[in-house]
């Protein structure tokens, strides 16, 4: 768990962290957003959501309160470096590379978190090297701010160059931004990709010219460990096409109170919204995304597919299943997105037609596009399939990737969560459960 101004987040409540003016302002803004979603802000699941969101946002943007000089000073060590471009045996003598630093940041265009694999290389000078952990800490200072990939790469690179004066610094970022569909397009495009990926790079000193041999050496040391950055010499996507929110069609004017609340949150985090043109449309984009989860926006339409349930057991019953049904949802505890796949298994007689995949997908989306928790989502899908179709023998497995796992000080990139709901024979028969679980493929939940 990270720290804010030297205070561990776990101790924030006891130390009065939740009473800081910025925290109180964000809490009040989040309450307005919850009211705009027509959600009961006093119910158990969301009662403490404003405080949780406020603490997570302050933790995720603590870089505004940190200075590179405080990190680098005292972390420089004497060591043989380059003299006249000639290495020294037993010394550094050339390139130093730190690979695969896992970072996360918040997108300045939509406020959603994005994941980063950061690779840093530098050439020492003046017989000085810097402690390797400091490269990660400096990168994190700038990641813990509202960012876009190109600016982030430039800020890390320039800060290291000015921080300890190496011969040159190179930074490559592999960024992944979650790409949520609308509730309508989620049904019409089953192959929707869950992530937008982008490569950003920056170089100073001997890395200023990206066609030099030292760049080639840096890229070779990344490829040596299977890191594919073949496009590092190209600029990649521009900033306007990086964030998926830029591609969303504009609809009616968002609620003005919600817009003011998001602007208040940005100011409380340390940004000057009126002076930064990159942030002027951020409140509208965030509100538009948030309103995708308003209960009244998406109806459950079974279109006459509800079948007459039959209370019988036959020898010709078969295990049927539909796997990898996509879902998208919003964690009610932190107002952060999570998404993944749903697998549904059930027993039915040959006399009954299988439930159509489109109907099951409709059920999944109906419960997904709401403020949710994964455990409840799993149970609701199972109970609806059971009550609407074929009786009690239903098993549902939900696999999901949660952005709250990368944006609240936990920072476990690549983790996933599985939940299970068992009804009827699946709750009693281990062999039935095992048979269904063997059918589930390697879905790669959360990979998009």
Protein backbone atom coordinates (compact mmCIF):
# COMPACT_ATOMS: atom_id res chain seq x y z
CA UNK A 1 0.00 0.00 0.00
CA UNK A 2 1.36 3.39 -0.97
CA UNK A 3 1.82 6.49 1.12
CA UNK A 4 0.58 10.05 0.79
CA UNK A 5 2.93 12.66 2.26
CA UNK A 6 4.44 9.98 4.44
CA UNK A 7 1.10 8.71 5.78
CA UNK A 8 0.21 5.11 5.04
CA UNK A 9 -3.23 4.78 3.50
CA UNK A 10 -4.23 2.03 5.95
CA UNK A 11 -3.91 4.55 8.75
CA UNK A 12 -5.78 7.35 7.02
CA UNK A 13 -9.03 6.95 8.92
CA UNK A 14 -7.38 6.89 12.33
CA UNK A 15 -5.20 9.90 11.46
CA UNK A 16 -8.06 12.01 10.16
CA UNK A 17 -7.15 11.71 6.47
CA UNK A 18 -10.83 11.58 5.53
CA UNK A 19 -11.31 15.02 7.11
CA UNK A 20 -8.81 16.82 4.86
CA UNK A 21 -10.53 19.57 2.79
CA UNK A 22 -9.66 17.93 -0.52
CA UNK A 23 -11.09 14.60 0.61
CA UNK A 24 -14.30 16.22 1.87
CA UNK A 25 -14.72 18.09 -1.44
CA UNK A 26 -14.29 14.92 -3.49
CA UNK A 27 -16.70 13.04 -1.22
CA UNK A 28 -19.39 15.66 -1.75
CA UNK A 29 -18.80 15.61 -5.52
CA UNK A 30 -19.13 11.81 -5.61
CA UNK A 31 -22.45 12.02 -3.73
CA UNK A 32 -23.76 14.30 -6.48
CA UNK A 33 -22.62 11.79 -9.11
CA UNK A 34 -24.37 8.95 -7.29
CA UNK A 35 -27.56 11.00 -7.13
CA UNK A 36 -27.27 11.59 -10.87
CA UNK A 37 -27.19 7.83 -11.32
CA UNK A 38 -30.47 7.62 -9.39
CA UNK A 39 -28.82 5.29 -6.92
CA UNK A 40 -29.68 5.25 -3.23
CA UNK A 41 -26.52 6.67 -1.68
CA UNK A 42 -27.59 5.40 1.74
CA UNK A 43 -27.79 1.72 0.87
CA UNK A 44 -25.13 -0.57 2.26
CA UNK A 45 -23.11 -1.10 -0.91
CA UNK A 46 -22.52 2.58 -1.69
CA UNK A 47 -22.76 4.27 1.71
CA UNK A 48 -18.98 4.59 1.97
CA UNK A 49 -18.35 4.87 -1.78
CA UNK A 50 -17.68 8.66 -1.67
CA UNK A 51 -14.89 8.21 0.89
CA UNK A 52 -13.45 5.18 -0.93
CA UNK A 53 -13.42 7.06 -4.25
CA UNK A 54 -11.84 10.13 -2.66
CA UNK A 55 -9.05 8.13 -1.01
CA UNK A 56 -8.38 6.15 -4.19
CA UNK A 57 -8.15 9.29 -6.32
CA UNK A 58 -5.84 11.03 -3.85
CA UNK A 59 -3.66 7.90 -3.70
CA UNK A 60 -3.65 7.59 -7.48
CA UNK A 61 -2.60 11.22 -8.01
CA UNK A 62 -0.14 11.65 -5.15
CA UNK A 63 2.56 12.53 -7.70
CA UNK A 64 1.38 16.14 -7.64
CA UNK A 65 2.83 16.42 -4.13
CA UNK A 66 6.17 14.73 -4.87
CA UNK A 67 9.42 16.18 -6.21
CA UNK A 68 12.06 14.34 -8.22
CA UNK A 69 14.89 16.16 -6.46
CA UNK A 70 13.85 14.67 -3.13
CA UNK A 71 14.03 11.18 -4.62
CA UNK A 72 17.32 11.41 -6.53
CA UNK A 73 19.35 13.39 -4.00
CA UNK A 74 21.43 11.05 -1.88
CA UNK A 75 21.01 8.18 -4.35
CA UNK A 76 24.01 8.92 -6.57
CA UNK A 77 27.00 6.61 -6.27
CA UNK A 78 30.57 6.87 -7.62
CA UNK A 79 31.28 4.38 -10.39
CA UNK A 80 33.36 4.34 -13.58
CA UNK A 81 31.34 5.76 -16.44
CA UNK A 82 32.04 6.71 -20.02
CA UNK A 83 35.07 8.78 -20.89
CA UNK A 84 35.38 9.76 -24.54
CA UNK A 85 32.83 7.04 -25.39
CA UNK A 86 35.16 4.31 -24.09
CA UNK A 87 33.97 1.88 -21.46
CA UNK A 88 35.84 0.87 -18.34
CA UNK A 89 36.31 -2.76 -17.41
CA UNK A 90 34.65 -3.51 -14.12
CA UNK A 91 32.62 -0.29 -14.23
CA UNK A 92 29.32 0.55 -15.82
CA UNK A 93 30.98 1.47 -19.07
CA UNK A 94 27.76 1.86 -21.03
CA UNK A 95 24.04 1.40 -21.04
CA UNK A 96 22.00 0.69 -17.89
CA UNK A 97 18.49 -0.67 -18.49
CA UNK A 98 15.58 -1.34 -16.13
CA UNK A 99 12.75 -3.26 -17.79
CA UNK A 100 9.11 -4.07 -17.08
CA UNK A 101 8.27 -1.51 -14.45
CA UNK A 102 4.53 -1.90 -13.77
CA UNK A 103 2.86 1.49 -13.38
CA UNK A 104 -0.61 2.88 -13.68
CA UNK A 105 -1.93 6.36 -14.32
CA UNK A 106 -5.24 8.17 -14.78
CA UNK A 107 -6.16 9.30 -18.29
CA UNK A 108 -6.55 13.06 -18.40
CA UNK A 109 -9.28 12.78 -21.05
CA UNK A 110 -11.71 10.51 -19.17
CA UNK A 111 -10.28 9.95 -15.64
CA UNK A 112 -10.18 6.16 -16.08
CA UNK A 113 -6.99 4.33 -15.05
CA UNK A 114 -4.61 2.94 -17.66
CA UNK A 115 -1.82 0.39 -17.28
CA UNK A 116 1.82 0.94 -18.21
CA UNK A 117 4.88 -1.22 -18.80
CA UNK A 118 7.80 1.17 -18.45
CA UNK A 119 11.33 0.53 -19.74
CA UNK A 120 14.12 2.98 -18.86
CA UNK A 121 17.68 3.12 -20.13
CA UNK A 122 20.47 5.60 -19.44
CA UNK A 123 24.17 6.07 -20.13
CA UNK A 124 26.09 7.20 -17.00
CA UNK A 125 28.41 10.19 -16.98
CA UNK A 126 30.72 11.91 -14.54
CA UNK A 127 31.57 8.64 -12.76
CA UNK A 128 28.10 8.54 -11.22
CA UNK A 129 25.26 6.05 -11.32
CA UNK A 130 21.88 6.35 -9.66
CA UNK A 131 20.26 3.74 -7.43
CA UNK A 132 18.17 1.51 -9.68
CA UNK A 133 15.05 1.76 -7.53
CA UNK A 134 15.09 5.52 -8.05
CA UNK A 135 14.33 5.06 -11.75
CA UNK A 136 11.07 3.37 -10.80
CA UNK A 137 10.24 5.95 -8.15
CA UNK A 138 10.83 8.88 -10.51
CA UNK A 139 8.66 7.23 -13.16
CA UNK A 140 5.93 6.73 -10.57
CA UNK A 141 5.94 10.42 -9.57
CA UNK A 142 4.73 11.38 -13.03
CA UNK A 143 2.50 8.35 -13.52
CA UNK A 144 0.63 9.37 -10.35
CA UNK A 145 -0.85 12.39 -12.13
CA UNK A 146 -3.47 12.86 -14.83
CA UNK A 147 -1.58 11.94 -17.98
CA UNK A 148 -1.39 10.94 -21.60
CA UNK A 149 1.35 8.52 -22.77
CA UNK A 150 3.50 10.95 -24.76
CA UNK A 151 3.65 13.59 -22.04
CA UNK A 152 4.34 10.91 -19.44
CA UNK A 153 7.28 9.53 -21.43
CA UNK A 154 8.70 13.03 -21.93
CA UNK A 155 8.32 14.02 -18.28
CA UNK A 156 10.02 10.86 -16.99
CA UNK A 157 12.86 11.26 -19.46
CA UNK A 158 13.48 14.96 -18.78
CA UNK A 159 13.23 14.53 -15.00
CA UNK A 160 15.89 11.81 -14.99
CA UNK A 161 18.12 13.85 -17.31
CA UNK A 162 17.93 16.90 -15.05
CA UNK A 163 17.94 14.87 -11.86
CA UNK A 164 21.41 13.33 -12.09
CA UNK A 165 22.89 14.49 -15.40
CA UNK A 166 23.54 11.26 -17.35
CA UNK A 167 24.92 11.22 -20.89
CA UNK A 168 21.43 10.37 -22.08
CA UNK A 169 18.10 8.82 -21.05
CA UNK A 170 15.61 6.71 -23.02
CA UNK A 171 12.07 5.82 -21.96
CA UNK A 172 9.61 3.48 -23.67
CA UNK A 173 6.05 3.05 -22.39
CA UNK A 174 3.64 0.28 -23.40
CA UNK A 175 0.23 1.63 -22.38
CA UNK A 176 -3.16 -0.10 -22.24
CA UNK A 177 -6.39 1.89 -21.84
CA UNK A 178 -9.66 0.14 -21.02
CA UNK A 179 -12.16 0.51 -23.87
CA UNK A 180 -15.76 0.32 -22.68
CA UNK A 181 -18.55 -0.11 -25.23
CA UNK A 182 -21.90 1.57 -24.85
CA UNK A 183 -24.74 -0.61 -23.59
CA UNK A 184 -26.13 -0.72 -27.13
CA UNK A 185 -22.88 -1.51 -28.96
CA UNK A 186 -21.99 -4.19 -26.41
CA UNK A 187 -24.76 -6.36 -27.87
CA UNK A 188 -24.22 -5.42 -31.51
CA UNK A 189 -20.43 -5.98 -31.48
CA UNK A 190 -19.54 -9.26 -29.71
CA UNK A 191 -15.90 -8.89 -30.80
CA UNK A 192 -15.40 -5.54 -29.12
CA UNK A 193 -11.79 -5.17 -27.96
CA UNK A 194 -11.48 -4.36 -24.28
CA UNK A 195 -8.19 -2.47 -24.51
CA UNK A 196 -6.60 0.23 -26.65
CA UNK A 197 -2.83 -0.13 -26.73
CA UNK A 198 -0.23 2.51 -27.44
CA UNK A 199 3.54 2.84 -27.50
CA UNK A 200 5.24 6.08 -26.45
CA UNK A 201 8.93 6.90 -26.31
CA UNK A 202 11.25 9.73 -25.42
CA UNK A 203 15.00 10.31 -25.47
CA UNK A 204 17.51 12.92 -24.29
CA UNK A 205 21.25 13.40 -24.75
CA UNK A 206 22.75 10.56 -26.79
CA UNK A 207 19.20 9.22 -27.25
CA UNK A 208 17.92 12.46 -28.79
CA UNK A 209 18.47 11.05 -32.29
CA UNK A 210 16.44 7.85 -32.42
CA UNK A 211 18.56 6.43 -35.24
CA UNK A 212 21.75 6.18 -33.20
CA UNK A 213 23.47 2.93 -32.22
CA UNK A 214 22.65 3.44 -28.56
CA UNK A 215 18.91 3.27 -29.36
CA UNK A 216 19.56 0.03 -31.24
CA UNK A 217 21.37 -1.35 -28.19
CA UNK A 218 18.49 -0.34 -25.91
CA UNK A 219 15.86 -2.00 -28.12
CA UNK A 220 18.01 -5.12 -28.46
CA UNK A 221 18.21 -5.48 -24.68
CA UNK A 222 14.41 -5.30 -24.55
CA UNK A 223 13.94 -7.87 -27.33
CA UNK A 224 16.45 -10.08 -25.56
CA UNK A 225 13.78 -10.64 -22.89
CA UNK A 226 10.89 -10.96 -25.31
CA UNK A 227 9.67 -7.37 -25.05
CA UNK A 228 8.23 -6.43 -28.44
CA UNK A 229 8.77 -2.75 -29.12
CA UNK A 230 9.39 -2.92 -32.85
CA UNK A 231 7.34 0.26 -33.37
CA UNK A 232 9.36 2.28 -30.87
CA UNK A 233 10.82 4.46 -33.61
CA UNK A 234 7.36 5.49 -34.77
CA UNK A 235 5.19 7.98 -32.92
CA UNK A 236 2.28 5.55 -32.68
CA UNK A 237 -1.23 6.86 -32.20
CA UNK A 238 -1.61 10.56 -31.56
CA UNK A 239 -3.10 11.75 -28.30
CA UNK A 240 -6.52 12.39 -29.79
CA UNK A 241 -7.00 8.76 -30.82
CA UNK A 242 -5.42 7.27 -27.69
CA UNK A 243 -8.39 7.66 -25.35
CA UNK A 244 -11.52 5.80 -26.54
CA UNK A 245 -13.70 8.60 -25.14
CA UNK A 246 -12.65 10.83 -28.05
CA UNK A 247 -14.39 8.47 -30.48
CA UNK A 248 -17.73 8.55 -28.63
CA UNK A 249 -20.52 10.36 -30.37
CA UNK A 250 -21.80 13.41 -28.57
CA UNK A 251 -25.30 13.21 -27.11
CA UNK A 252 -27.43 15.65 -25.15
CA UNK A 253 -25.94 18.02 -22.63
CA UNK A 254 -24.86 16.20 -19.45
CA UNK A 255 -26.29 17.14 -16.08
CA UNK A 256 -24.72 20.46 -15.07
CA UNK A 257 -24.45 19.52 -11.39
CA UNK A 258 -22.55 16.36 -12.32
CA UNK A 259 -20.24 18.36 -14.60
CA UNK A 260 -19.46 20.81 -11.81
CA UNK A 261 -18.80 17.91 -9.47
CA UNK A 262 -16.22 16.34 -11.79
CA UNK A 263 -14.55 19.73 -12.28
CA UNK A 264 -14.43 20.06 -8.49
CA UNK A 265 -12.74 16.67 -8.24
CA UNK A 266 -10.08 17.71 -10.77
CA UNK A 267 -9.34 20.88 -8.80
CA UNK A 268 -9.15 18.94 -5.55
CA UNK A 269 -6.55 16.65 -7.10
CA UNK A 270 -4.33 19.61 -7.95
CA UNK A 271 -5.25 20.48 -11.53
CA UNK A 272 -6.21 23.89 -12.90
CA UNK A 273 -9.10 22.98 -15.18
CA UNK A 274 -9.67 26.41 -16.79
CA UNK A 275 -6.00 26.79 -17.75
CA UNK A 276 -5.41 23.30 -19.13
CA UNK A 277 -7.17 22.83 -22.44
CA UNK A 278 -6.62 19.06 -22.25
CA UNK A 279 -8.99 18.92 -19.27
CA UNK A 280 -11.79 21.16 -20.49
CA UNK A 281 -13.83 18.30 -21.96
CA UNK A 282 -12.88 15.76 -19.28
CA UNK A 283 -15.93 16.34 -17.04
CA UNK A 284 -18.33 15.78 -19.95
CA UNK A 285 -16.54 12.60 -21.04
CA UNK A 286 -16.48 11.16 -17.53
CA UNK A 287 -20.17 11.92 -16.94
CA UNK A 288 -21.12 10.38 -20.29
CA UNK A 289 -19.24 7.20 -19.40
CA UNK A 290 -20.69 7.09 -15.89
CA UNK A 291 -24.26 7.47 -17.15
CA UNK A 292 -23.88 4.28 -19.18
CA UNK A 293 -24.57 2.50 -15.89
CA UNK A 294 -27.79 4.30 -15.03
CA UNK A 295 -30.43 1.63 -14.33
CA UNK A 296 -33.02 3.00 -16.73
CA UNK A 297 -30.70 2.94 -19.75
CA UNK A 298 -30.80 -0.79 -20.45
CA UNK A 299 -33.77 -3.15 -20.26
CA UNK A 300 -33.85 -6.92 -20.03
CA UNK A 301 -35.62 -8.12 -23.17
CA UNK A 302 -36.11 -11.86 -23.37
CA UNK A 303 -38.23 -11.40 -26.51
CA UNK A 304 -40.59 -14.24 -25.83
CA UNK A 305 -37.84 -16.80 -25.26
CA UNK A 306 -39.00 -17.71 -21.77
CA UNK A 307 -39.70 -21.41 -21.88
CA UNK A 308 -42.08 -23.49 -19.81
CA UNK A 309 -40.09 -25.14 -17.06
CA UNK A 310 -40.80 -28.81 -16.46
CA UNK A 311 -40.45 -30.57 -13.17
CA UNK A 312 -38.94 -33.84 -14.33
CA UNK A 313 -35.72 -35.79 -14.53
CA UNK A 314 -34.93 -37.87 -17.61
CA UNK A 315 -32.09 -40.13 -18.55
CA UNK A 316 -31.60 -38.16 -21.78
CA UNK A 317 -30.70 -34.87 -20.07
CA UNK A 318 -27.54 -33.26 -21.39
CA UNK A 319 -25.13 -30.69 -20.07
CA UNK A 320 -25.35 -27.59 -22.22
CA UNK A 321 -23.21 -24.49 -21.95
CA UNK A 322 -22.39 -21.11 -23.39
CA UNK A 323 -18.91 -19.77 -22.63
CA UNK A 324 -17.12 -16.45 -23.05
CA UNK A 325 -20.17 -14.21 -22.90
CA UNK A 326 -18.65 -10.74 -22.57
CA UNK A 327 -19.69 -8.38 -19.82
CA UNK A 328 -18.88 -4.82 -18.74
CA UNK A 329 -19.69 -3.34 -15.39
CA UNK A 330 -18.91 -0.68 -12.80
CA UNK A 331 -17.75 -1.41 -9.26
CA UNK A 332 -20.11 0.28 -6.85
CA UNK A 333 -17.45 0.47 -4.15
CA UNK A 334 -14.99 2.64 -6.09
CA UNK A 335 -16.82 3.75 -9.27
CA UNK A 336 -14.16 1.94 -11.31
CA UNK A 337 -14.81 -0.36 -14.28
CA UNK A 338 -14.43 -4.11 -14.37
CA UNK A 339 -15.07 -6.47 -17.25
CA UNK A 340 -14.53 -10.01 -18.41
CA UNK A 341 -16.45 -13.10 -19.48
CA UNK A 342 -19.33 -15.20 -18.19
CA UNK A 343 -19.76 -18.97 -18.62
CA UNK A 344 -23.20 -20.55 -18.17
CA UNK A 345 -23.84 -24.28 -17.80
CA UNK A 346 -27.19 -26.05 -17.35
CA UNK A 347 -28.86 -29.41 -17.81
CA UNK A 348 -31.82 -29.77 -20.15
CA UNK A 349 -33.73 -32.47 -21.94
CA UNK A 350 -33.55 -33.08 -25.67
CA UNK A 351 -37.23 -32.15 -25.69
CA UNK A 352 -36.27 -28.54 -24.94
CA UNK A 353 -34.28 -26.37 -27.29
CA UNK A 354 -31.05 -24.86 -25.93
CA UNK A 355 -31.28 -21.30 -24.69
CA UNK A 356 -30.10 -19.03 -27.47
CA UNK A 357 -26.73 -17.41 -26.87
CA UNK A 358 -28.13 -13.96 -27.68
CA UNK A 359 -30.69 -14.32 -24.90
CA UNK A 360 -28.04 -15.28 -22.35
CA UNK A 361 -25.89 -12.38 -23.55
CA UNK A 362 -28.85 -10.05 -23.03
CA UNK A 363 -29.21 -11.25 -19.42
CA UNK A 364 -25.48 -10.74 -18.80
CA UNK A 365 -25.54 -7.18 -20.15
CA UNK A 366 -28.73 -6.32 -18.26
CA UNK A 367 -27.05 -7.03 -14.94
CA UNK A 368 -23.61 -5.83 -16.04
CA UNK A 369 -24.52 -2.27 -17.00
CA UNK A 370 -25.26 -1.19 -13.45
CA UNK A 371 -23.34 -0.35 -10.31
CA UNK A 372 -22.31 -3.84 -9.27
CA UNK A 373 -20.13 -6.20 -7.32
CA UNK A 374 -18.95 -9.35 -9.06
CA UNK A 375 -20.42 -11.75 -6.50
CA UNK A 376 -23.90 -10.24 -6.88
CA UNK A 377 -23.62 -10.18 -10.67
CA UNK A 378 -22.81 -13.90 -10.71
CA UNK A 379 -25.77 -14.79 -8.49
CA UNK A 380 -28.24 -12.59 -10.41
CA UNK A 381 -27.33 -14.17 -13.75
CA UNK A 382 -27.71 -17.69 -12.34
CA UNK A 383 -31.06 -16.96 -10.69
CA UNK A 384 -32.48 -15.31 -13.81
CA UNK A 385 -31.43 -18.17 -16.07
CA UNK A 386 -32.93 -20.64 -13.61
CA UNK A 387 -36.24 -18.84 -13.08
CA UNK A 388 -36.75 -17.92 -16.72
CA UNK A 389 -35.74 -21.10 -18.50
CA UNK A 390 -34.89 -24.58 -17.41
CA UNK A 391 -35.20 -24.97 -13.68
CA UNK A 392 -32.73 -25.24 -10.90
CA UNK A 393 -29.71 -26.99 -12.45
CA UNK A 394 -27.60 -23.95 -13.37
CA UNK A 395 -23.93 -23.05 -12.87
CA UNK A 396 -22.42 -19.66 -13.66
CA UNK A 397 -18.73 -18.73 -13.61
CA UNK A 398 -17.66 -15.09 -13.99
CA UNK A 399 -14.03 -14.15 -14.71
CA UNK A 400 -13.14 -10.49 -14.48
CA UNK A 401 -10.36 -7.94 -14.50
CA UNK A 402 -10.89 -5.08 -12.01
CA UNK A 403 -9.25 -1.71 -12.49
CA UNK A 404 -9.57 -1.13 -8.74
CA UNK A 405 -6.81 -3.74 -8.42
CA UNK A 406 -4.37 -1.43 -10.19
CA UNK A 407 -5.47 1.98 -8.99
CA UNK A 408 -5.80 1.92 -5.20
CA UNK A 409 -2.24 1.35 -3.99
CA UNK A 410 -2.60 -2.42 -4.55
CA UNK A 411 -1.31 -2.19 -8.13
CA UNK A 412 -1.63 -5.84 -9.07
CA UNK A 413 -1.58 -5.51 -12.85
CA UNK A 414 -2.75 -8.61 -14.69
CA UNK A 415 -4.69 -10.10 -11.77
CA UNK A 416 -8.16 -11.53 -12.32
CA UNK A 417 -11.07 -12.67 -10.17
CA UNK A 418 -13.37 -15.69 -10.60
CA UNK A 419 -16.74 -16.13 -8.88
CA UNK A 420 -19.15 -19.07 -9.05
CA UNK A 421 -22.90 -19.50 -8.49
CA UNK A 422 -24.30 -23.04 -8.11
CA UNK A 423 -27.95 -24.05 -8.28
CA UNK A 424 -29.57 -27.47 -8.16
CA UNK A 425 -27.44 -30.50 -8.87
CA UNK A 426 -24.36 -28.35 -9.43
CA UNK A 427 -24.46 -27.45 -5.72
CA UNK A 428 -24.57 -31.15 -4.75
CA UNK A 429 -22.66 -33.02 -7.46
CA UNK A 430 -18.91 -32.43 -7.71
CA UNK A 431 -18.71 -34.47 -10.92
CA UNK A 432 -21.28 -32.18 -12.60
CA UNK A 433 -19.26 -29.13 -11.58
CA UNK A 434 -16.04 -30.72 -12.76
CA UNK A 435 -17.53 -31.64 -16.13
CA UNK A 436 -18.63 -28.06 -16.76
CA UNK A 437 -15.35 -26.54 -15.59
CA UNK A 438 -13.43 -28.77 -18.00
CA UNK A 439 -15.41 -27.25 -20.87
CA UNK A 440 -14.45 -23.66 -20.01
CA UNK A 441 -11.59 -22.53 -22.28
CA UNK A 442 -8.67 -20.32 -21.42
CA UNK A 443 -10.68 -17.16 -21.85
CA UNK A 444 -7.97 -14.65 -20.96
CA UNK A 445 -10.38 -12.57 -18.88
CA UNK A 446 -9.54 -8.95 -18.98
CA UNK A 447 -7.22 -9.15 -21.98
CA UNK A 448 -9.81 -7.75 -24.34
